[in-house]
Amino acid sequence: MDRHVATLLTMTAFCTACLSRFVITLVLALACVGAFAAEALPASDDPALEARVMKISNELRCLVCQNETIAASHAELAVDLRRQVREMLQSGQTERQVIDFMTARYGDFVLYRPPFKPLTALLWIGPGAMVVLGLGTLFVVLRRRSRLADEAFEADDKDASQDPHLS
């Protein structure tokens, strides 16, 4: 039995040494990754062009993320759309032409703020209508409850004179 214990102890020491080497190697590898990281450079040397690209990119929705503009998204499609916007502006197209092209290609959904049309009216009117409907329902319910007699409500189990919070 002593031979088995000795073998087990030897294997445990070997595994511990291997694990220690692995952890040290992993820490060093992760430290090296930080040395190669750099801030992303703008895709164009022209700051005016980059400003126009970002202005348009903030108006277009990422079709993958759907909750972000293509300026904020890191999805491959968003990167491709920003590149396409940049190329269209470099070729001399106006901002309106770029937005019209994207809308023709992807529909009004690509616009982060869609225009008011019959197809998008629910997007614009819906939230306000829901608030008005909710407030109207609350008003009707409270008005009906105020007209009910006291007998329509359940009596409290405690006597109000015994409750320290009510006195």
N, C-alpha and C. Protein backbone atom coordinates (compact mmCIF):
# COMPACT_ATOMS: atom_id res chain seq x y z
N MET A 1 0.82 -1.18 0.00
CA MET A 1 0.00 0.00 0.00
C MET A 1 0.87 1.25 0.00
N ASP A 2 2.05 1.18 0.60
CA ASP A 2 2.93 2.33 0.64
C ASP A 2 3.43 2.69 -0.76
N ARG A 3 3.59 1.64 -1.59
CA ARG A 3 4.03 1.89 -2.94
C ARG A 3 2.98 2.68 -3.72
N HIS A 4 1.68 2.39 -3.51
CA HIS A 4 0.60 3.09 -4.17
C HIS A 4 0.52 4.55 -3.71
N VAL A 5 0.73 4.76 -2.44
CA VAL A 5 0.69 6.12 -1.90
C VAL A 5 1.85 6.93 -2.47
N ALA A 6 3.02 6.32 -2.56
CA ALA A 6 4.18 7.01 -3.12
C ALA A 6 3.94 7.36 -4.58
N THR A 7 3.35 6.45 -5.35
CA THR A 7 3.04 6.71 -6.75
C THR A 7 2.03 7.85 -6.88
N LEU A 8 1.02 7.81 -6.03
CA LEU A 8 0.00 8.85 -6.04
C LEU A 8 0.60 10.21 -5.70
N LEU A 9 1.47 10.26 -4.73
CA LEU A 9 2.11 11.52 -4.34
C LEU A 9 3.00 12.04 -5.48
N THR A 10 3.69 11.14 -6.15
CA THR A 10 4.56 11.53 -7.27
C THR A 10 3.72 12.10 -8.41
N MET A 11 2.60 11.46 -8.72
CA MET A 11 1.71 11.94 -9.78
C MET A 11 1.11 13.29 -9.41
N THR A 12 0.74 13.47 -8.17
CA THR A 12 0.17 14.73 -7.72
C THR A 12 1.19 15.85 -7.85
N ALA A 13 2.42 15.61 -7.46
CA ALA A 13 3.48 16.61 -7.58
C ALA A 13 3.72 16.96 -9.04
N PHE A 14 3.71 15.94 -9.92
CA PHE A 14 3.92 16.17 -11.35
C PHE A 14 2.78 17.03 -11.93
N CYS A 15 1.53 16.72 -11.57
CA CYS A 15 0.37 17.48 -12.06
C CYS A 15 0.41 18.91 -11.56
N THR A 16 0.82 19.10 -10.33
CA THR A 16 0.90 20.45 -9.77
C THR A 16 1.95 21.26 -10.51
N ALA A 17 3.07 20.66 -10.83
CA ALA A 17 4.12 21.36 -11.58
C ALA A 17 3.64 21.72 -12.97
N CYS A 18 2.95 20.80 -13.62
CA CYS A 18 2.43 21.07 -14.97
C CYS A 18 1.40 22.20 -14.93
N LEU A 19 0.53 22.18 -13.94
CA LEU A 19 -0.48 23.22 -13.80
C LEU A 19 0.17 24.57 -13.55
N SER A 20 1.20 24.61 -12.73
CA SER A 20 1.91 25.85 -12.45
C SER A 20 2.53 26.41 -13.71
N ARG A 21 3.16 25.56 -14.50
CA ARG A 21 3.77 26.01 -15.76
C ARG A 21 2.70 26.53 -16.72
N PHE A 22 1.57 25.84 -16.77
CA PHE A 22 0.49 26.27 -17.65
C PHE A 22 -0.04 27.65 -17.26
N VAL A 23 -0.25 27.86 -15.97
CA VAL A 23 -0.76 29.15 -15.49
C VAL A 23 0.24 30.26 -15.79
N ILE A 24 1.52 30.02 -15.56
CA ILE A 24 2.54 31.03 -15.84
C ILE A 24 2.58 31.35 -17.33
N THR A 25 2.51 30.33 -18.18
CA THR A 25 2.51 30.53 -19.63
C THR A 25 1.28 31.32 -20.07
N LEU A 26 0.13 31.01 -19.51
CA LEU A 26 -1.10 31.71 -19.85
C LEU A 26 -1.03 33.18 -19.44
N VAL A 27 -0.52 33.45 -18.25
CA VAL A 27 -0.39 34.84 -17.79
C VAL A 27 0.56 35.62 -18.70
N LEU A 28 1.67 35.04 -19.06
CA LEU A 28 2.62 35.71 -19.95
C LEU A 28 2.03 35.95 -21.34
N ALA A 29 1.28 34.99 -21.84
CA ALA A 29 0.65 35.15 -23.16
C ALA A 29 -0.38 36.27 -23.14
N LEU A 30 -1.17 36.34 -22.08
CA LEU A 30 -2.16 37.41 -21.98
C LEU A 30 -1.50 38.77 -21.81
N ALA A 31 -0.38 38.82 -21.13
CA ALA A 31 0.35 40.08 -20.97
C ALA A 31 0.90 40.55 -22.31
N CYS A 32 1.32 39.63 -23.15
CA CYS A 32 1.85 39.99 -24.47
C CYS A 32 0.76 40.51 -25.39
N VAL A 33 -0.46 40.00 -25.26
CA VAL A 33 -1.56 40.44 -26.10
C VAL A 33 -1.80 41.93 -25.91
N GLY A 34 -1.74 42.41 -24.68
CA GLY A 34 -1.95 43.82 -24.40
C GLY A 34 -0.90 44.70 -25.05
N ALA A 35 0.30 44.19 -25.25
CA ALA A 35 1.36 44.98 -25.87
C ALA A 35 1.08 45.24 -27.35
N PHE A 36 0.37 44.33 -28.01
CA PHE A 36 0.07 44.48 -29.42
C PHE A 36 -1.22 45.24 -29.69
N ALA A 37 -2.02 45.47 -28.67
CA ALA A 37 -3.28 46.18 -28.85
C ALA A 37 -3.00 47.65 -29.13
N ALA A 38 -3.75 48.20 -30.06
CA ALA A 38 -3.60 49.61 -30.40
C ALA A 38 -4.97 50.21 -30.65
N GLU A 39 -5.05 51.50 -30.54
CA GLU A 39 -6.32 52.18 -30.80
C GLU A 39 -6.61 52.11 -32.29
N ALA A 40 -7.88 51.92 -32.62
CA ALA A 40 -8.26 51.81 -34.02
C ALA A 40 -8.05 53.14 -34.72
N LEU A 41 -7.44 53.09 -35.87
CA LEU A 41 -7.20 54.28 -36.64
C LEU A 41 -8.39 54.54 -37.55
N PRO A 42 -8.69 55.80 -37.84
CA PRO A 42 -9.78 56.07 -38.77
C PRO A 42 -9.44 55.50 -40.14
N ALA A 43 -10.47 55.10 -40.87
CA ALA A 43 -10.25 54.47 -42.16
C ALA A 43 -9.86 55.48 -43.23
N SER A 44 -9.98 56.75 -42.92
CA SER A 44 -9.64 57.78 -43.89
C SER A 44 -8.72 58.81 -43.25
N ASP A 45 -7.84 59.37 -44.05
CA ASP A 45 -6.95 60.41 -43.54
C ASP A 45 -7.64 61.77 -43.51
N ASP A 46 -8.78 61.87 -44.16
CA ASP A 46 -9.51 63.14 -44.25
C ASP A 46 -10.51 63.24 -43.09
N PRO A 47 -10.26 64.12 -42.10
CA PRO A 47 -11.17 64.22 -40.96
C PRO A 47 -12.57 64.72 -41.35
N ALA A 48 -12.66 65.54 -42.39
CA ALA A 48 -13.97 66.03 -42.83
C ALA A 48 -14.80 64.88 -43.39
N LEU A 49 -14.14 64.01 -44.16
CA LEU A 49 -14.83 62.84 -44.71
C LEU A 49 -15.27 61.91 -43.58
N GLU A 50 -14.39 61.69 -42.61
CA GLU A 50 -14.74 60.81 -41.47
C GLU A 50 -15.93 61.38 -40.70
N ALA A 51 -15.98 62.70 -40.55
CA ALA A 51 -17.11 63.33 -39.85
C ALA A 51 -18.41 63.10 -40.61
N ARG A 52 -18.35 63.20 -41.93
CA ARG A 52 -19.55 62.95 -42.74
C ARG A 52 -19.96 61.48 -42.66
N VAL A 53 -18.98 60.58 -42.69
CA VAL A 53 -19.26 59.14 -42.58
C VAL A 53 -19.94 58.86 -41.23
N MET A 54 -19.41 59.44 -40.16
CA MET A 54 -19.99 59.20 -38.83
C MET A 54 -21.38 59.81 -38.71
N LYS A 55 -21.59 60.96 -39.34
CA LYS A 55 -22.93 61.59 -39.31
C LYS A 55 -23.96 60.67 -39.96
N ILE A 56 -23.62 60.14 -41.12
CA ILE A 56 -24.54 59.23 -41.81
C ILE A 56 -24.66 57.92 -41.04
N SER A 57 -23.55 57.42 -40.52
CA SER A 57 -23.56 56.15 -39.78
C SER A 57 -24.44 56.23 -38.54
N ASN A 58 -24.55 57.41 -37.96
CA ASN A 58 -25.42 57.59 -36.79
C ASN A 58 -26.89 57.65 -37.17
N GLU A 59 -27.18 57.77 -38.45
CA GLU A 59 -28.57 57.80 -38.94
C GLU A 59 -29.05 56.43 -39.41
N LEU A 60 -28.12 55.48 -39.56
CA LEU A 60 -28.48 54.16 -40.10
C LEU A 60 -28.42 53.09 -39.02
N ARG A 61 -29.42 52.23 -39.02
CA ARG A 61 -29.53 51.14 -38.04
C ARG A 61 -28.72 49.94 -38.48
N CYS A 62 -28.06 49.31 -37.52
CA CYS A 62 -27.37 48.06 -37.81
C CYS A 62 -28.43 46.98 -38.01
N LEU A 63 -28.39 46.33 -39.14
CA LEU A 63 -29.40 45.32 -39.45
C LEU A 63 -29.19 44.03 -38.67
N VAL A 64 -28.01 43.85 -38.10
CA VAL A 64 -27.73 42.66 -37.28
C VAL A 64 -28.15 42.93 -35.84
N CYS A 65 -27.67 44.04 -35.28
CA CYS A 65 -27.94 44.36 -33.87
C CYS A 65 -29.35 44.90 -33.68
N GLN A 66 -29.83 45.70 -34.61
CA GLN A 66 -31.16 46.29 -34.64
C GLN A 66 -31.40 47.30 -33.53
N ASN A 67 -30.55 47.39 -32.57
CA ASN A 67 -30.75 48.34 -31.49
C ASN A 67 -29.62 49.36 -31.45
N GLU A 68 -28.75 49.32 -32.44
CA GLU A 68 -27.61 50.21 -32.50
C GLU A 68 -27.49 50.81 -33.89
N THR A 69 -26.83 51.94 -33.95
CA THR A 69 -26.51 52.50 -35.25
C THR A 69 -25.30 51.75 -35.81
N ILE A 70 -25.06 51.92 -37.10
CA ILE A 70 -23.89 51.25 -37.66
C ILE A 70 -22.61 51.91 -37.17
N ALA A 71 -22.71 53.13 -36.64
CA ALA A 71 -21.54 53.79 -36.07
C ALA A 71 -21.12 53.13 -34.76
N ALA A 72 -22.08 52.64 -33.99
CA ALA A 72 -21.78 52.05 -32.68
C ALA A 72 -21.57 50.54 -32.74
N SER A 73 -22.03 49.91 -33.81
CA SER A 73 -21.98 48.45 -33.89
C SER A 73 -20.62 47.96 -34.38
N HIS A 74 -20.23 46.78 -33.88
CA HIS A 74 -18.99 46.14 -34.32
C HIS A 74 -19.28 44.91 -35.20
N ALA A 75 -20.53 44.72 -35.58
CA ALA A 75 -20.89 43.60 -36.44
C ALA A 75 -20.23 43.76 -37.81
N GLU A 76 -19.94 42.65 -38.46
CA GLU A 76 -19.28 42.69 -39.77
C GLU A 76 -20.10 43.47 -40.78
N LEU A 77 -21.42 43.31 -40.74
CA LEU A 77 -22.28 44.03 -41.68
C LEU A 77 -22.18 45.54 -41.44
N ALA A 78 -22.15 45.96 -40.18
CA ALA A 78 -22.03 47.38 -39.88
C ALA A 78 -20.70 47.94 -40.38
N VAL A 79 -19.64 47.18 -40.22
CA VAL A 79 -18.32 47.61 -40.71
C VAL A 79 -18.36 47.74 -42.24
N ASP A 80 -19.00 46.78 -42.91
CA ASP A 80 -19.13 46.84 -44.37
C ASP A 80 -19.97 48.03 -44.80
N LEU A 81 -21.06 48.31 -44.08
CA LEU A 81 -21.91 49.44 -44.44
C LEU A 81 -21.18 50.76 -44.23
N ARG A 82 -20.40 50.88 -43.16
CA ARG A 82 -19.61 52.11 -42.96
C ARG A 82 -18.59 52.27 -44.09
N ARG A 83 -17.96 51.17 -44.49
CA ARG A 83 -17.01 51.22 -45.59
C ARG A 83 -17.71 51.66 -46.88
N GLN A 84 -18.91 51.12 -47.10
CA GLN A 84 -19.66 51.48 -48.31
C GLN A 84 -20.07 52.95 -48.28
N VAL A 85 -20.49 53.45 -47.12
CA VAL A 85 -20.83 54.87 -46.98
C VAL A 85 -19.61 55.72 -47.31
N ARG A 86 -18.44 55.34 -46.78
CA ARG A 86 -17.20 56.08 -47.03
C ARG A 86 -16.87 56.10 -48.52
N GLU A 87 -16.99 54.95 -49.17
CA GLU A 87 -16.68 54.86 -50.60
C GLU A 87 -17.64 55.70 -51.43
N MET A 88 -18.92 55.70 -51.05
CA MET A 88 -19.91 56.48 -51.80
C MET A 88 -19.63 57.98 -51.64
N LEU A 89 -19.26 58.39 -50.44
CA LEU A 89 -18.94 59.81 -50.23
C LEU A 89 -17.66 60.19 -50.95
N GLN A 90 -16.68 59.30 -50.99
CA GLN A 90 -15.43 59.58 -51.71
C GLN A 90 -15.66 59.68 -53.21
N SER A 91 -16.67 58.97 -53.71
CA SER A 91 -16.96 59.02 -55.14
C SER A 91 -17.77 60.26 -55.52
N GLY A 92 -18.09 61.09 -54.53
CA GLY A 92 -18.75 62.36 -54.83
C GLY A 92 -20.25 62.39 -54.57
N GLN A 93 -20.82 61.32 -54.04
CA GLN A 93 -22.25 61.34 -53.77
C GLN A 93 -22.54 62.17 -52.52
N THR A 94 -23.73 62.74 -52.47
CA THR A 94 -24.12 63.55 -51.31
C THR A 94 -24.62 62.65 -50.20
N GLU A 95 -24.75 63.23 -49.02
CA GLU A 95 -25.26 62.47 -47.87
C GLU A 95 -26.67 61.96 -48.15
N ARG A 96 -27.50 62.81 -48.77
CA ARG A 96 -28.87 62.42 -49.09
C ARG A 96 -28.88 61.25 -50.07
N GLN A 97 -27.98 61.25 -51.05
CA GLN A 97 -27.93 60.15 -52.02
C GLN A 97 -27.52 58.84 -51.33
N VAL A 98 -26.60 58.93 -50.39
CA VAL A 98 -26.17 57.73 -49.67
C VAL A 98 -27.33 57.16 -48.85
N ILE A 99 -28.03 58.03 -48.13
CA ILE A 99 -29.17 57.57 -47.31
C ILE A 99 -30.28 57.02 -48.19
N ASP A 100 -30.54 57.69 -49.32
CA ASP A 100 -31.57 57.19 -50.26
C ASP A 100 -31.18 55.82 -50.82
N PHE A 101 -29.90 55.61 -51.12
CA PHE A 101 -29.43 54.32 -51.62
C PHE A 101 -29.66 53.23 -50.57
N MET A 102 -29.27 53.52 -49.32
CA MET A 102 -29.43 52.53 -48.24
C MET A 102 -30.91 52.22 -48.01
N THR A 103 -31.75 53.25 -48.07
CA THR A 103 -33.19 53.05 -47.88
C THR A 103 -33.78 52.22 -49.02
N ALA A 104 -33.35 52.51 -50.25
CA ALA A 104 -33.84 51.73 -51.40
C ALA A 104 -33.40 50.28 -51.29
N ARG A 105 -32.20 50.06 -50.77
CA ARG A 105 -31.68 48.70 -50.69
C ARG A 105 -32.25 47.91 -49.53
N TYR A 106 -32.38 48.56 -48.33
CA TYR A 106 -32.78 47.83 -47.13
C TYR A 106 -34.15 48.23 -46.59
N GLY A 107 -34.79 49.23 -47.16
CA GLY A 107 -36.10 49.67 -46.69
C GLY A 107 -35.97 50.69 -45.57
N ASP A 108 -37.13 51.20 -45.12
CA ASP A 108 -37.15 52.22 -44.07
C ASP A 108 -36.59 51.70 -42.74
N PHE A 109 -36.53 50.38 -42.58
CA PHE A 109 -36.03 49.81 -41.33
C PHE A 109 -34.58 50.19 -41.08
N VAL A 110 -33.81 50.44 -42.14
CA VAL A 110 -32.40 50.78 -41.97
C VAL A 110 -32.23 52.18 -41.36
N LEU A 111 -33.24 53.01 -41.45
CA LEU A 111 -33.16 54.36 -40.88
C LEU A 111 -33.40 54.28 -39.38
N TYR A 112 -32.52 54.90 -38.62
CA TYR A 112 -32.67 54.86 -37.16
C TYR A 112 -33.87 55.67 -36.73
N ARG A 113 -34.22 56.70 -37.49
CA ARG A 113 -35.44 57.48 -37.25
C ARG A 113 -36.27 57.42 -38.53
N PRO A 114 -37.14 56.43 -38.66
CA PRO A 114 -37.89 56.27 -39.91
C PRO A 114 -38.84 57.45 -40.13
N PRO A 115 -39.14 57.78 -41.39
CA PRO A 115 -40.05 58.89 -41.68
C PRO A 115 -41.48 58.54 -41.30
N PHE A 116 -42.29 59.57 -41.10
CA PHE A 116 -43.69 59.35 -40.77
C PHE A 116 -44.44 59.06 -42.07
N LYS A 117 -44.86 57.81 -42.21
CA LYS A 117 -45.60 57.33 -43.38
C LYS A 117 -46.73 56.45 -42.85
N PRO A 118 -47.69 56.09 -43.71
CA PRO A 118 -48.72 55.16 -43.26
C PRO A 118 -48.14 53.84 -42.72
N LEU A 119 -47.04 53.36 -43.33
CA LEU A 119 -46.44 52.11 -42.87
C LEU A 119 -45.72 52.24 -41.53
N THR A 120 -45.25 53.44 -41.21
CA THR A 120 -44.51 53.64 -39.96
C THR A 120 -45.30 54.44 -38.94
N ALA A 121 -46.55 54.74 -39.22
CA ALA A 121 -47.36 55.57 -38.31
C ALA A 121 -47.48 54.92 -36.94
N LEU A 122 -47.63 53.62 -36.89
CA LEU A 122 -47.76 52.93 -35.61
C LEU A 122 -46.50 53.11 -34.75
N LEU A 123 -45.34 53.15 -35.38
CA LEU A 123 -44.10 53.37 -34.63
C LEU A 123 -44.09 54.74 -33.95
N TRP A 124 -44.66 55.73 -34.62
CA TRP A 124 -44.65 57.09 -34.09
C TRP A 124 -45.82 57.34 -33.14
N ILE A 125 -46.99 56.83 -33.46
CA ILE A 125 -48.19 57.11 -32.67
C ILE A 125 -48.39 56.09 -31.56
N GLY A 126 -47.92 54.87 -31.76
CA GLY A 126 -48.15 53.77 -30.83
C GLY A 126 -47.80 54.06 -29.37
N PRO A 127 -46.60 54.52 -29.05
CA PRO A 127 -46.27 54.76 -27.64
C PRO A 127 -47.17 55.78 -26.97
N GLY A 128 -47.45 56.88 -27.65
CA GLY A 128 -48.35 57.89 -27.08
C GLY A 128 -49.77 57.35 -26.91
N ALA A 129 -50.23 56.60 -27.89
CA ALA A 129 -51.57 56.01 -27.81
C ALA A 129 -51.67 55.03 -26.64
N MET A 130 -50.61 54.26 -26.40
CA MET A 130 -50.62 53.31 -25.27
C MET A 130 -50.68 54.05 -23.93
N VAL A 131 -49.97 55.17 -23.80
CA VAL A 131 -50.00 55.95 -22.56
C VAL A 131 -51.40 56.52 -22.35
N VAL A 132 -51.99 57.09 -23.40
CA VAL A 132 -53.34 57.66 -23.28
C VAL A 132 -54.34 56.56 -22.93
N LEU A 133 -54.23 55.40 -23.57
CA LEU A 133 -55.13 54.27 -23.29
C LEU A 133 -54.98 53.81 -21.84
N GLY A 134 -53.75 53.70 -21.36
CA GLY A 134 -53.51 53.29 -19.98
C GLY A 134 -54.05 54.28 -18.97
N LEU A 135 -53.84 55.57 -19.20
CA LEU A 135 -54.37 56.59 -18.29
C LEU A 135 -55.90 56.62 -18.33
N GLY A 136 -56.48 56.44 -19.51
CA GLY A 136 -57.94 56.39 -19.62
C GLY A 136 -58.51 55.21 -18.85
N THR A 137 -57.88 54.05 -18.97
CA THR A 137 -58.33 52.85 -18.24
C THR A 137 -58.21 53.07 -16.75
N LEU A 138 -57.12 53.64 -16.30
CA LEU A 138 -56.93 53.92 -14.87
C LEU A 138 -58.01 54.87 -14.36
N PHE A 139 -58.32 55.89 -15.14
CA PHE A 139 -59.35 56.86 -14.75
C PHE A 139 -60.71 56.18 -14.61
N VAL A 140 -61.08 55.34 -15.58
CA VAL A 140 -62.38 54.65 -15.54
C VAL A 140 -62.46 53.71 -14.34
N VAL A 141 -61.41 52.94 -14.10
CA VAL A 141 -61.42 51.99 -12.98
C VAL A 141 -61.52 52.73 -11.65
N LEU A 142 -60.75 53.78 -11.48
CA LEU A 142 -60.80 54.53 -10.22
C LEU A 142 -62.15 55.22 -10.03
N ARG A 143 -62.72 55.70 -11.10
CA ARG A 143 -64.04 56.36 -10.99
C ARG A 143 -65.12 55.34 -10.60
N ARG A 144 -65.11 54.16 -11.18
CA ARG A 144 -66.08 53.12 -10.82
C ARG A 144 -65.90 52.68 -9.37
N ARG A 145 -64.65 52.54 -8.94
CA ARG A 145 -64.39 52.12 -7.55
C ARG A 145 -64.85 53.17 -6.56
N SER A 146 -64.74 54.45 -6.91
CA SER A 146 -65.15 55.50 -5.98
C SER A 146 -66.66 55.54 -5.81
N ARG A 147 -67.40 55.02 -6.77
CA ARG A 147 -68.87 55.03 -6.69
C ARG A 147 -69.41 53.81 -5.93
N LEU A 148 -68.60 52.82 -5.65
CA LEU A 148 -69.04 51.63 -4.94
C LEU A 148 -69.24 51.95 -3.45
N ALA A 149 -70.20 51.26 -2.86
CA ALA A 149 -70.45 51.43 -1.43
C ALA A 149 -69.36 50.72 -0.64
N ASP A 150 -69.20 51.05 0.62
CA ASP A 150 -68.19 50.45 1.48
C ASP A 150 -68.39 48.95 1.63
N GLU A 151 -69.61 48.47 1.51
CA GLU A 151 -69.89 47.05 1.67
C GLU A 151 -69.30 46.22 0.51
N ALA A 152 -69.00 46.85 -0.60
CA ALA A 152 -68.46 46.13 -1.75
C ALA A 152 -67.00 45.73 -1.54
N PHE A 153 -66.35 46.31 -0.55
CA PHE A 153 -64.94 46.02 -0.29
C PHE A 153 -64.82 45.10 0.91
N GLU A 154 -63.77 44.32 0.97
CA GLU A 154 -63.54 43.42 2.10
C GLU A 154 -63.07 44.22 3.29
N ALA A 155 -63.52 43.80 4.46
CA ALA A 155 -63.10 44.47 5.69
C ALA A 155 -61.69 44.05 6.04
N ASP A 156 -60.96 44.94 6.70
CA ASP A 156 -59.60 44.60 7.16
C ASP A 156 -59.70 43.65 8.33
N ASP A 157 -58.71 42.76 8.46
CA ASP A 157 -58.69 41.80 9.55
C ASP A 157 -58.35 42.48 10.87
N LYS A 158 -57.52 43.48 10.85
CA LYS A 158 -57.11 44.16 12.07
C LYS A 158 -58.02 45.35 12.34
N ASP A 159 -58.14 45.64 13.59
CA ASP A 159 -58.86 46.85 13.98
C ASP A 159 -57.88 48.02 13.85
N ALA A 160 -58.34 49.14 13.32
CA ALA A 160 -57.47 50.27 13.07
C ALA A 160 -56.90 50.82 14.39
N SER A 161 -57.60 50.67 15.48
CA SER A 161 -57.10 51.21 16.74
C SER A 161 -55.95 50.37 17.29
N GLN A 162 -55.82 49.12 16.86
CA GLN A 162 -54.76 48.24 17.35
C GLN A 162 -53.50 48.31 16.47
N ASP A 163 -53.61 48.86 15.28
CA ASP A 163 -52.46 48.93 14.38
C ASP A 163 -51.64 50.17 14.69
N PRO A 164 -50.38 50.01 15.12
CA PRO A 164 -49.56 51.17 15.48
C PRO A 164 -49.21 52.05 14.29
N HIS A 165 -49.26 51.51 13.07
CA HIS A 165 -48.91 52.28 11.90
C HIS A 165 -50.04 53.22 11.50
N LEU A 166 -51.27 52.94 11.89
CA LEU A 166 -52.41 53.76 11.49
C LEU A 166 -52.73 54.85 12.50
N SER A 167 -52.18 54.76 13.70
CA SER A 167 -52.52 55.79 14.70
C SER A 167 -51.53 56.90 14.72
